[in-house]
Amino acid sequence: MEDLRQQIAAGRLAVGDPIPSTAKLGSQYDVSSTVVRRAVTELTAEGLLHGQAGKGVFVRARPTPAAVQPSTAELAATVERLEAKLDAMAARLEALERKS
């Protein structure tokens, strides 16, 4: 569900685009069709998706920025960047302390 929300927010799935089939999403995320249907139901309740009988499920709207949660990979990358910056700052501080 979060990945679909992020794809919509990023524009990879634009308003009016169909989302992949339940079977394809289940295979892509290695989850059951029940899990896929629940995610689609929740995104529909949020107003992001809408179904058309016999045609499929389509993107209705983009989520508000506050509704989009960063992925685990994005959070891990941010933590790594911050750790690198912190290490660089600690090294500079140590060098300054040695000079004084």
N, C-alpha and C. Protein backbone atom coordinates (compact mmCIF):
# COMPACT_ATOMS: atom_id res chain seq x y z
N MET A 1 0.82 -1.18 0.00
CA MET A 1 0.00 0.00 0.00
C MET A 1 0.87 1.25 0.00
N GLU A 2 1.89 1.25 0.85
CA GLU A 2 2.76 2.43 0.92
C GLU A 2 3.50 2.64 -0.40
N ASP A 3 3.95 1.55 -1.02
CA ASP A 3 4.66 1.68 -2.28
C ASP A 3 3.74 2.25 -3.36
N LEU A 4 2.52 1.77 -3.43
CA LEU A 4 1.57 2.33 -4.40
C LEU A 4 1.33 3.81 -4.13
N ARG A 5 1.18 4.15 -2.85
CA ARG A 5 0.96 5.55 -2.48
C ARG A 5 2.15 6.41 -2.93
N GLN A 6 3.36 5.89 -2.74
CA GLN A 6 4.55 6.63 -3.14
C GLN A 6 4.66 6.75 -4.65
N GLN A 7 4.28 5.70 -5.37
CA GLN A 7 4.31 5.76 -6.84
C GLN A 7 3.33 6.81 -7.35
N ILE A 8 2.17 6.90 -6.72
CA ILE A 8 1.19 7.91 -7.11
C ILE A 8 1.71 9.30 -6.77
N ALA A 9 2.27 9.45 -5.58
CA ALA A 9 2.79 10.75 -5.15
C ALA A 9 3.92 11.23 -6.06
N ALA A 10 4.76 10.30 -6.51
CA ALA A 10 5.90 10.65 -7.36
C ALA A 10 5.51 10.84 -8.82
N GLY A 11 4.26 10.47 -9.17
CA GLY A 11 3.82 10.63 -10.54
C GLY A 11 4.13 9.44 -11.44
N ARG A 12 4.73 8.39 -10.86
CA ARG A 12 4.98 7.19 -11.67
C ARG A 12 3.66 6.53 -12.05
N LEU A 13 2.65 6.70 -11.21
CA LEU A 13 1.27 6.35 -11.54
C LEU A 13 0.51 7.68 -11.50
N ALA A 14 0.13 8.17 -12.65
CA ALA A 14 -0.51 9.48 -12.74
C ALA A 14 -2.02 9.35 -12.60
N VAL A 15 -2.65 10.46 -12.27
CA VAL A 15 -4.11 10.50 -12.18
C VAL A 15 -4.68 10.03 -13.53
N GLY A 16 -5.59 9.07 -13.45
CA GLY A 16 -6.20 8.50 -14.64
C GLY A 16 -5.56 7.19 -15.09
N ASP A 17 -4.35 6.91 -14.62
CA ASP A 17 -3.67 5.67 -14.99
C ASP A 17 -4.31 4.48 -14.28
N PRO A 18 -4.35 3.33 -14.95
CA PRO A 18 -4.79 2.12 -14.27
C PRO A 18 -3.65 1.58 -13.40
N ILE A 19 -4.00 0.97 -12.30
CA ILE A 19 -2.97 0.29 -11.51
C ILE A 19 -2.87 -1.14 -12.04
N PRO A 20 -1.76 -1.81 -11.78
CA PRO A 20 -1.64 -3.21 -12.22
C PRO A 20 -2.74 -4.08 -11.62
N SER A 21 -2.98 -5.22 -12.24
CA SER A 21 -4.00 -6.15 -11.77
C SER A 21 -3.66 -6.70 -10.39
N THR A 22 -4.68 -7.24 -9.74
CA THR A 22 -4.47 -7.86 -8.43
C THR A 22 -3.42 -8.96 -8.53
N ALA A 23 -3.51 -9.77 -9.56
CA ALA A 23 -2.54 -10.87 -9.73
C ALA A 23 -1.13 -10.33 -9.90
N LYS A 24 -0.98 -9.30 -10.71
CA LYS A 24 0.35 -8.74 -10.96
C LYS A 24 0.92 -8.11 -9.68
N LEU A 25 0.09 -7.36 -8.96
CA LEU A 25 0.55 -6.75 -7.71
C LEU A 25 0.91 -7.83 -6.68
N GLY A 26 0.09 -8.89 -6.61
CA GLY A 26 0.39 -9.98 -5.69
C GLY A 26 1.72 -10.62 -6.00
N SER A 27 1.98 -10.83 -7.28
CA SER A 27 3.25 -11.42 -7.70
C SER A 27 4.41 -10.47 -7.44
N GLN A 28 4.21 -9.20 -7.76
CA GLN A 28 5.26 -8.18 -7.60
C GLN A 28 5.69 -8.04 -6.15
N TYR A 29 4.73 -8.06 -5.23
CA TYR A 29 5.04 -7.85 -3.81
C TYR A 29 5.08 -9.15 -3.01
N ASP A 30 4.85 -10.27 -3.72
CA ASP A 30 4.85 -11.58 -3.08
C ASP A 30 3.87 -11.64 -1.91
N VAL A 31 2.63 -11.20 -2.18
CA VAL A 31 1.56 -11.24 -1.18
C VAL A 31 0.33 -11.86 -1.82
N SER A 32 -0.63 -12.23 -0.98
CA SER A 32 -1.85 -12.85 -1.47
C SER A 32 -2.78 -11.80 -2.11
N SER A 33 -3.74 -12.29 -2.87
CA SER A 33 -4.71 -11.39 -3.49
C SER A 33 -5.54 -10.69 -2.43
N THR A 34 -5.72 -11.32 -1.28
CA THR A 34 -6.46 -10.71 -0.17
C THR A 34 -5.74 -9.45 0.32
N VAL A 35 -4.43 -9.55 0.43
CA VAL A 35 -3.63 -8.40 0.88
C VAL A 35 -3.71 -7.28 -0.15
N VAL A 36 -3.62 -7.63 -1.42
CA VAL A 36 -3.71 -6.62 -2.49
C VAL A 36 -5.07 -5.94 -2.46
N ARG A 37 -6.13 -6.74 -2.35
CA ARG A 37 -7.48 -6.15 -2.33
C ARG A 37 -7.67 -5.22 -1.14
N ARG A 38 -7.10 -5.60 -0.01
CA ARG A 38 -7.23 -4.74 1.18
C ARG A 38 -6.49 -3.41 0.96
N ALA A 39 -5.30 -3.47 0.39
CA ALA A 39 -4.54 -2.24 0.11
C ALA A 39 -5.32 -1.35 -0.86
N VAL A 40 -5.89 -1.95 -1.91
CA VAL A 40 -6.66 -1.18 -2.88
C VAL A 40 -7.89 -0.58 -2.22
N THR A 41 -8.54 -1.34 -1.35
CA THR A 41 -9.72 -0.84 -0.63
C THR A 41 -9.34 0.36 0.24
N GLU A 42 -8.22 0.26 0.94
CA GLU A 42 -7.80 1.37 1.80
C GLU A 42 -7.42 2.60 0.98
N LEU A 43 -6.71 2.41 -0.13
CA LEU A 43 -6.35 3.55 -0.98
C LEU A 43 -7.59 4.16 -1.64
N THR A 44 -8.57 3.33 -1.91
CA THR A 44 -9.84 3.84 -2.45
C THR A 44 -10.56 4.67 -1.39
N ALA A 45 -10.57 4.17 -0.15
CA ALA A 45 -11.20 4.91 0.95
C ALA A 45 -10.51 6.25 1.19
N GLU A 46 -9.22 6.31 0.93
CA GLU A 46 -8.47 7.57 1.08
C GLU A 46 -8.73 8.52 -0.09
N GLY A 47 -9.38 8.03 -1.13
CA GLY A 47 -9.67 8.86 -2.29
C GLY A 47 -8.59 8.85 -3.36
N LEU A 48 -7.61 7.98 -3.22
CA LEU A 48 -6.51 7.94 -4.19
C LEU A 48 -6.83 7.09 -5.41
N LEU A 49 -7.67 6.07 -5.23
CA LEU A 49 -8.03 5.16 -6.31
C LEU A 49 -9.54 5.11 -6.48
N HIS A 50 -9.98 4.67 -7.64
CA HIS A 50 -11.41 4.38 -7.84
C HIS A 50 -11.52 3.25 -8.85
N GLY A 51 -12.51 2.40 -8.60
CA GLY A 51 -12.71 1.26 -9.48
C GLY A 51 -13.83 1.52 -10.48
N GLN A 52 -13.67 0.95 -11.65
CA GLN A 52 -14.72 1.01 -12.67
C GLN A 52 -15.06 -0.43 -13.03
N ALA A 53 -16.29 -0.82 -12.77
CA ALA A 53 -16.71 -2.20 -12.98
C ALA A 53 -16.35 -2.66 -14.39
N GLY A 54 -15.66 -3.77 -14.46
CA GLY A 54 -15.28 -4.36 -15.73
C GLY A 54 -14.10 -3.70 -16.42
N LYS A 55 -13.60 -2.62 -15.87
CA LYS A 55 -12.49 -1.90 -16.51
C LYS A 55 -11.21 -1.92 -15.69
N GLY A 56 -11.34 -1.90 -14.37
CA GLY A 56 -10.15 -1.91 -13.53
C GLY A 56 -10.19 -0.84 -12.46
N VAL A 57 -9.03 -0.64 -11.86
CA VAL A 57 -8.87 0.36 -10.80
C VAL A 57 -7.92 1.42 -11.31
N PHE A 58 -8.29 2.68 -11.09
CA PHE A 58 -7.54 3.80 -11.64
C PHE A 58 -7.14 4.79 -10.54
N VAL A 59 -6.07 5.53 -10.81
CA VAL A 59 -5.63 6.57 -9.89
C VAL A 59 -6.61 7.73 -9.98
N ARG A 60 -7.13 8.14 -8.85
CA ARG A 60 -8.08 9.24 -8.80
C ARG A 60 -7.40 10.56 -8.43
N ALA A 61 -6.47 10.51 -7.48
CA ALA A 61 -5.83 11.74 -7.00
C ALA A 61 -4.47 11.40 -6.42
N ARG A 62 -3.66 12.44 -6.29
CA ARG A 62 -2.36 12.28 -5.63
C ARG A 62 -2.52 12.53 -4.15
N PRO A 63 -1.75 11.82 -3.32
CA PRO A 63 -1.85 12.03 -1.87
C PRO A 63 -1.24 13.37 -1.48
N THR A 64 -1.68 13.87 -0.35
CA THR A 64 -1.07 15.08 0.19
C THR A 64 0.34 14.71 0.67
N PRO A 65 1.27 15.63 0.65
CA PRO A 65 2.64 15.30 1.08
C PRO A 65 2.71 14.67 2.47
N ALA A 66 1.83 15.10 3.38
CA ALA A 66 1.86 14.55 4.74
C ALA A 66 1.45 13.09 4.77
N ALA A 67 0.70 12.63 3.77
CA ALA A 67 0.22 11.25 3.75
C ALA A 67 1.27 10.27 3.25
N VAL A 68 2.31 10.77 2.62
CA VAL A 68 3.33 9.90 2.04
C VAL A 68 4.42 9.65 3.06
N GLN A 69 4.61 8.39 3.40
CA GLN A 69 5.65 8.01 4.34
C GLN A 69 6.87 7.53 3.56
N PRO A 70 8.06 7.93 3.99
CA PRO A 70 9.25 7.45 3.27
C PRO A 70 9.40 5.95 3.42
N SER A 71 9.98 5.32 2.42
CA SER A 71 10.20 3.88 2.47
C SER A 71 11.37 3.57 3.41
N THR A 72 11.47 2.32 3.78
CA THR A 72 12.57 1.88 4.64
C THR A 72 13.91 2.15 3.96
N ALA A 73 13.97 1.90 2.66
CA ALA A 73 15.22 2.14 1.92
C ALA A 73 15.58 3.63 1.94
N GLU A 74 14.59 4.49 1.77
CA GLU A 74 14.85 5.94 1.81
C GLU A 74 15.33 6.37 3.19
N LEU A 75 14.71 5.83 4.23
CA LEU A 75 15.14 6.15 5.59
C LEU A 75 16.56 5.66 5.85
N ALA A 76 16.87 4.46 5.39
CA ALA A 76 18.22 3.91 5.57
C ALA A 76 19.26 4.76 4.86
N ALA A 77 18.94 5.21 3.66
CA ALA A 77 19.86 6.06 2.91
C ALA A 77 20.07 7.39 3.63
N THR A 78 19.01 7.94 4.18
CA THR A 78 19.13 9.20 4.93
C THR A 78 20.00 9.02 6.16
N VAL A 79 19.80 7.92 6.87
CA VAL A 79 20.61 7.64 8.06
C VAL A 79 22.08 7.51 7.68
N GLU A 80 22.36 6.81 6.58
CA GLU A 80 23.75 6.65 6.13
C GLU A 80 24.38 8.00 5.80
N ARG A 81 23.64 8.87 5.11
CA ARG A 81 24.18 10.21 4.78
C ARG A 81 24.45 11.01 6.04
N LEU A 82 23.53 10.94 7.00
CA LEU A 82 23.72 11.69 8.24
C LEU A 82 24.89 11.14 9.05
N GLU A 83 25.06 9.82 9.06
CA GLU A 83 26.20 9.23 9.77
C GLU A 83 27.51 9.67 9.13
N ALA A 84 27.56 9.71 7.82
CA ALA A 84 28.78 10.15 7.12
C ALA A 84 29.09 11.61 7.46
N LYS A 85 28.06 12.45 7.47
CA LYS A 85 28.27 13.86 7.83
C LYS A 85 28.74 13.98 9.27
N LEU A 86 28.14 13.20 10.15
CA LEU A 86 28.54 13.24 11.55
C LEU A 86 29.98 12.80 11.73
N ASP A 87 30.39 11.74 11.03
CA ASP A 87 31.78 11.29 11.09
C ASP A 87 32.74 12.37 10.59
N ALA A 88 32.37 13.05 9.50
CA ALA A 88 33.21 14.11 8.95
C ALA A 88 33.32 15.27 9.94
N MET A 89 32.22 15.61 10.57
CA MET A 89 32.24 16.71 11.55
C MET A 89 33.08 16.33 12.76
N ALA A 90 32.99 15.09 13.21
CA ALA A 90 33.77 14.64 14.36
C ALA A 90 35.26 14.68 14.03
N ALA A 91 35.61 14.29 12.81
CA ALA A 91 37.01 14.33 12.40
C ALA A 91 37.52 15.77 12.35
N ARG A 92 36.72 16.69 11.84
CA ARG A 92 37.13 18.10 11.80
C ARG A 92 37.28 18.66 13.21
N LEU A 93 36.36 18.31 14.10
CA LEU A 93 36.43 18.78 15.48
C LEU A 93 37.69 18.25 16.16
N GLU A 94 37.99 17.00 15.92
CA GLU A 94 39.19 16.39 16.50
C GLU A 94 40.45 17.10 15.97
N ALA A 95 40.47 17.43 14.70
CA ALA A 95 41.62 18.12 14.12
C ALA A 95 41.75 19.51 14.72
N LEU A 96 40.65 20.20 14.90
CA LEU A 96 40.68 21.53 15.52
C LEU A 96 41.17 21.45 16.96
N GLU A 97 40.74 20.46 17.70
CA GLU A 97 41.17 20.30 19.08
C GLU A 97 42.66 20.01 19.18
N ARG A 98 43.20 19.27 18.21
CA ARG A 98 44.64 18.99 18.21
C ARG A 98 45.45 20.23 17.93
N LYS A 99 44.90 21.14 17.12
CA LYS A 99 45.61 22.39 16.79
C LYS A 99 45.68 23.32 17.98
N SER A 100 44.70 23.26 18.87
CA SER A 100 44.68 24.23 19.97
C SER A 100 45.31 23.71 21.21
